[in-house]
Amino acid sequence: MRDEPPPPLDPDWVADFEASLRRPLRVHVDSSFILTPLPVIDDAPYRAFDTMEEYRRWCREHLPSYLGYG
């Protein structure tokens, strides 16, 4: 265990945190989601597959690996 006290907090960071506490919940919710366009996924309004295997095959063949579907 550490016997020494934690380092002091940056006053600007504390001020930002306290300001965020004063914001209404609606502002937090609206600020929480970042709409990021997803290549290939956003190209069609929907896709339907008969089996999970078809869906997985489509993902492997069409989606970039950085989206985590590969």
N, C-alpha and C. Protein backbone atom coordinates (compact mmCIF):
# COMPACT_ATOMS: atom_id res chain seq x y z
N MET A 1 0.84 -1.19 0.00
CA MET A 1 0.00 0.00 0.00
C MET A 1 0.87 1.24 0.00
N ARG A 2 0.31 2.28 -0.57
CA ARG A 2 1.04 3.55 -0.60
C ARG A 2 0.65 4.37 0.62
N ASP A 3 1.65 4.92 1.28
CA ASP A 3 1.39 5.78 2.43
C ASP A 3 1.35 7.25 2.03
N GLU A 4 1.83 7.54 0.84
CA GLU A 4 1.88 8.94 0.41
C GLU A 4 0.53 9.36 -0.18
N PRO A 5 0.16 10.62 -0.03
CA PRO A 5 -1.12 11.08 -0.55
C PRO A 5 -1.09 11.14 -2.09
N PRO A 6 -2.26 11.05 -2.72
CA PRO A 6 -2.29 11.14 -4.18
C PRO A 6 -1.87 12.54 -4.63
N PRO A 7 -1.39 12.66 -5.86
CA PRO A 7 -1.00 13.99 -6.34
C PRO A 7 -2.22 14.89 -6.47
N PRO A 8 -2.03 16.20 -6.37
CA PRO A 8 -3.18 17.11 -6.48
C PRO A 8 -3.79 17.05 -7.88
N LEU A 9 -5.09 17.29 -7.95
CA LEU A 9 -5.79 17.28 -9.23
C LEU A 9 -5.60 18.60 -9.96
N ASP A 10 -5.58 18.53 -11.25
CA ASP A 10 -5.47 19.72 -12.09
C ASP A 10 -6.74 20.56 -11.89
N PRO A 11 -6.60 21.83 -11.51
CA PRO A 11 -7.79 22.67 -11.26
C PRO A 11 -8.70 22.81 -12.48
N ASP A 12 -8.12 22.85 -13.67
CA ASP A 12 -8.95 22.94 -14.88
C ASP A 12 -9.79 21.68 -15.04
N TRP A 13 -9.19 20.53 -14.75
CA TRP A 13 -9.92 19.27 -14.85
C TRP A 13 -11.07 19.25 -13.84
N VAL A 14 -10.81 19.69 -12.64
CA VAL A 14 -11.84 19.72 -11.59
C VAL A 14 -12.97 20.67 -12.01
N ALA A 15 -12.63 21.83 -12.57
CA ALA A 15 -13.65 22.79 -13.01
C ALA A 15 -14.51 22.18 -14.12
N ASP A 16 -13.89 21.48 -15.07
CA ASP A 16 -14.65 20.83 -16.14
C ASP A 16 -15.60 19.77 -15.57
N PHE A 17 -15.10 18.99 -14.62
CA PHE A 17 -15.91 17.95 -14.01
C PHE A 17 -17.10 18.56 -13.27
N GLU A 18 -16.86 19.60 -12.50
CA GLU A 18 -17.94 20.24 -11.75
C GLU A 18 -18.96 20.87 -12.69
N ALA A 19 -18.50 21.44 -13.81
CA ALA A 19 -19.42 22.01 -14.79
C ALA A 19 -20.29 20.91 -15.39
N SER A 20 -19.71 19.75 -15.65
CA SER A 20 -20.49 18.66 -16.22
C SER A 20 -21.55 18.16 -15.24
N LEU A 21 -21.28 18.25 -13.95
CA LEU A 21 -22.27 17.83 -12.94
C LEU A 21 -23.49 18.74 -12.94
N ARG A 22 -23.32 19.98 -13.37
CA ARG A 22 -24.44 20.94 -13.39
C ARG A 22 -25.30 20.80 -14.64
N ARG A 23 -24.84 20.07 -15.64
CA ARG A 23 -25.62 19.92 -16.87
C ARG A 23 -26.78 18.96 -16.65
N PRO A 24 -27.91 19.23 -17.31
CA PRO A 24 -29.05 18.32 -17.16
C PRO A 24 -28.78 16.97 -17.84
N LEU A 25 -29.50 15.97 -17.41
CA LEU A 25 -29.32 14.62 -17.94
C LEU A 25 -29.49 14.58 -19.46
N ARG A 26 -30.44 15.33 -19.99
CA ARG A 26 -30.68 15.34 -21.44
C ARG A 26 -29.40 15.72 -22.20
N VAL A 27 -28.65 16.68 -21.69
CA VAL A 27 -27.41 17.10 -22.35
C VAL A 27 -26.39 15.96 -22.31
N HIS A 28 -26.30 15.27 -21.20
CA HIS A 28 -25.38 14.13 -21.10
C HIS A 28 -25.74 13.05 -22.12
N VAL A 29 -27.03 12.75 -22.22
CA VAL A 29 -27.47 11.70 -23.14
C VAL A 29 -27.20 12.13 -24.58
N ASP A 30 -27.55 13.37 -24.92
CA ASP A 30 -27.33 13.86 -26.28
C ASP A 30 -25.85 13.89 -26.64
N SER A 31 -25.00 14.11 -25.66
CA SER A 31 -23.55 14.18 -25.92
C SER A 31 -22.87 12.82 -25.87
N SER A 32 -23.61 11.81 -25.47
CA SER A 32 -22.99 10.50 -25.25
C SER A 32 -22.85 9.66 -26.50
N PHE A 33 -23.61 9.97 -27.53
CA PHE A 33 -23.62 9.13 -28.72
C PHE A 33 -22.99 9.88 -29.88
N ILE A 34 -22.04 9.24 -30.51
CA ILE A 34 -21.38 9.81 -31.67
C ILE A 34 -21.82 8.98 -32.87
N LEU A 35 -22.50 9.62 -33.80
CA LEU A 35 -22.95 8.92 -34.99
C LEU A 35 -21.79 8.83 -35.98
N THR A 36 -21.35 7.63 -36.20
CA THR A 36 -20.22 7.39 -37.09
C THR A 36 -20.72 6.58 -38.28
N PRO A 37 -20.52 7.11 -39.50
CA PRO A 37 -20.94 6.31 -40.65
C PRO A 37 -20.13 5.02 -40.74
N LEU A 38 -20.81 3.93 -41.02
CA LEU A 38 -20.14 2.64 -41.13
C LEU A 38 -20.17 2.19 -42.58
N PRO A 39 -19.01 2.05 -43.21
CA PRO A 39 -19.00 1.63 -44.61
C PRO A 39 -19.64 0.27 -44.77
N VAL A 40 -20.34 0.09 -45.86
CA VAL A 40 -21.03 -1.14 -46.23
C VAL A 40 -22.29 -1.33 -45.38
N ILE A 41 -22.20 -1.22 -44.08
CA ILE A 41 -23.37 -1.43 -43.22
C ILE A 41 -24.44 -0.38 -43.52
N ASP A 42 -24.03 0.87 -43.74
CA ASP A 42 -24.98 1.94 -43.98
C ASP A 42 -25.41 2.04 -45.45
N ASP A 43 -24.91 1.17 -46.31
CA ASP A 43 -25.22 1.25 -47.73
C ASP A 43 -26.63 0.78 -48.07
N ALA A 44 -27.27 0.03 -47.22
CA ALA A 44 -28.62 -0.48 -47.47
C ALA A 44 -29.46 -0.25 -46.21
N PRO A 45 -30.77 0.01 -46.39
CA PRO A 45 -31.60 0.25 -45.21
C PRO A 45 -31.73 -0.98 -44.31
N TYR A 46 -31.64 -2.18 -44.88
CA TYR A 46 -31.66 -3.40 -44.08
C TYR A 46 -31.14 -4.57 -44.93
N ARG A 47 -30.81 -5.63 -44.27
CA ARG A 47 -30.41 -6.88 -44.93
C ARG A 47 -31.06 -8.01 -44.15
N ALA A 48 -31.46 -9.05 -44.86
CA ALA A 48 -32.08 -10.20 -44.21
C ALA A 48 -31.33 -11.46 -44.62
N PHE A 49 -31.12 -12.33 -43.67
CA PHE A 49 -30.42 -13.59 -43.90
C PHE A 49 -31.27 -14.72 -43.37
N ASP A 50 -31.24 -15.85 -44.06
CA ASP A 50 -32.01 -17.01 -43.62
C ASP A 50 -31.36 -17.72 -42.44
N THR A 51 -30.04 -17.66 -42.39
CA THR A 51 -29.34 -18.34 -41.29
C THR A 51 -28.25 -17.45 -40.73
N MET A 52 -27.84 -17.77 -39.53
CA MET A 52 -26.74 -17.04 -38.92
C MET A 52 -25.46 -17.27 -39.70
N GLU A 53 -25.28 -18.44 -40.26
CA GLU A 53 -24.08 -18.73 -41.06
C GLU A 53 -24.03 -17.84 -42.30
N GLU A 54 -25.17 -17.61 -42.95
CA GLU A 54 -25.19 -16.69 -44.10
C GLU A 54 -24.78 -15.28 -43.67
N TYR A 55 -25.30 -14.86 -42.54
CA TYR A 55 -24.95 -13.54 -42.01
C TYR A 55 -23.45 -13.44 -41.72
N ARG A 56 -22.91 -14.44 -41.05
CA ARG A 56 -21.48 -14.43 -40.72
C ARG A 56 -20.61 -14.45 -41.97
N ARG A 57 -21.02 -15.24 -42.98
CA ARG A 57 -20.27 -15.29 -44.23
C ARG A 57 -20.29 -13.92 -44.92
N TRP A 58 -21.47 -13.29 -44.93
CA TRP A 58 -21.58 -11.96 -45.54
C TRP A 58 -20.67 -10.97 -44.81
N CYS A 59 -20.66 -11.01 -43.50
CA CYS A 59 -19.79 -10.12 -42.72
C CYS A 59 -18.33 -10.34 -43.07
N ARG A 60 -17.88 -11.60 -43.11
CA ARG A 60 -16.48 -11.89 -43.43
C ARG A 60 -16.11 -11.37 -44.81
N GLU A 61 -17.02 -11.51 -45.77
CA GLU A 61 -16.72 -11.16 -47.15
C GLU A 61 -16.87 -9.68 -47.47
N HIS A 62 -17.68 -8.95 -46.70
CA HIS A 62 -17.99 -7.58 -47.09
C HIS A 62 -17.56 -6.49 -46.11
N LEU A 63 -17.38 -6.83 -44.86
CA LEU A 63 -17.09 -5.77 -43.87
C LEU A 63 -15.62 -5.66 -43.58
N PRO A 64 -15.12 -4.43 -43.37
CA PRO A 64 -13.72 -4.26 -42.97
C PRO A 64 -13.48 -4.90 -41.60
N SER A 65 -12.31 -5.47 -41.44
CA SER A 65 -12.02 -6.19 -40.18
C SER A 65 -12.04 -5.29 -38.96
N TYR A 66 -11.76 -3.99 -39.14
CA TYR A 66 -11.71 -3.11 -37.96
C TYR A 66 -13.09 -2.91 -37.32
N LEU A 67 -14.15 -3.31 -38.02
CA LEU A 67 -15.49 -3.21 -37.41
C LEU A 67 -15.75 -4.37 -36.46
N GLY A 68 -14.91 -5.39 -36.50
CA GLY A 68 -15.02 -6.48 -35.55
C GLY A 68 -15.97 -7.59 -35.95
N TYR A 69 -16.39 -7.61 -37.21
CA TYR A 69 -17.29 -8.66 -37.66
C TYR A 69 -16.59 -9.77 -38.40
N GLY A 70 -15.29 -9.63 -38.63
CA GLY A 70 -14.56 -10.55 -39.51
C GLY A 70 -14.15 -11.84 -38.93
